[in-house]
Protein backbone atom coordinates (compact mmCIF):
# COMPACT_ATOMS: atom_id res chain seq x y z
CA GLU A 1 106.31 63.58 -219.17
CA GLU A 2 103.73 62.43 -221.80
CA HIS A 3 105.83 62.19 -224.82
CA ASP A 4 108.64 60.38 -222.85
CA ALA A 5 105.77 57.96 -221.77
CA ILE A 6 105.06 57.38 -225.41
CA TYR A 7 108.50 57.14 -226.34
CA GLN A 8 109.57 54.62 -223.49
CA ALA A 9 106.73 52.29 -224.42
CA ILE A 10 107.71 52.44 -228.15
CA ARG A 11 111.26 51.69 -227.26
CA ALA A 12 110.28 48.77 -224.86
CA GLY A 13 108.30 47.37 -227.81
CA ASP A 14 105.01 47.47 -225.82
CA PRO A 15 102.27 48.86 -228.34
CA GLU A 16 99.41 48.72 -225.90
CA ALA A 17 101.29 50.78 -223.51
CA ALA A 18 102.08 53.21 -226.19
CA ALA A 19 98.57 53.45 -227.45
CA HIS A 20 97.39 54.06 -223.99
CA ALA A 21 100.21 57.03 -223.54
CA ALA A 22 99.33 58.46 -226.75
CA ALA A 23 95.47 58.52 -225.98
CA THR A 24 96.22 60.08 -222.70
CA HIS A 25 98.31 62.76 -224.03
CA ILE A 26 95.66 63.27 -226.70
CA ASP A 27 93.02 63.57 -224.17
CA ASN A 28 95.26 65.93 -222.04
CA THR A 29 96.03 68.35 -225.11
CA LEU A 30 92.25 68.54 -225.96
CA ASP A 31 91.37 69.40 -222.44
CA ASP A 32 94.20 71.98 -222.30
CA TYR A 33 92.84 73.46 -225.79
CA ARG A 34 89.28 73.61 -224.72
CA ARG A 35 90.30 75.38 -221.60
CA GLU A 36 92.60 77.94 -223.30
CA ILE A 37 89.70 78.54 -225.69
CA GLN A 38 87.04 79.11 -223.13
CA GLN A 39 89.41 81.42 -221.16
CA ARG A 40 89.87 83.40 -224.28
CA LEU A 41 85.95 83.71 -224.88
CA PHE A 42 85.28 84.68 -221.31
CA ARG A 43 88.33 87.50 -221.56
CA SER A 44 87.04 88.85 -224.52
CA ALA A 45 83.36 89.09 -223.32
CA GLY A 46 84.26 90.80 -220.30
């Protein structure tokens, strides 16, 4: 979904929407990464 939003914004020639969609994707990816690291740390500590 996020990649498609970026693609559609680029295709529509809307750089602001593309930048927003890309930033949202990066933020969500970072959140997912942090969550995964936290789970792995707590799993190995237990």
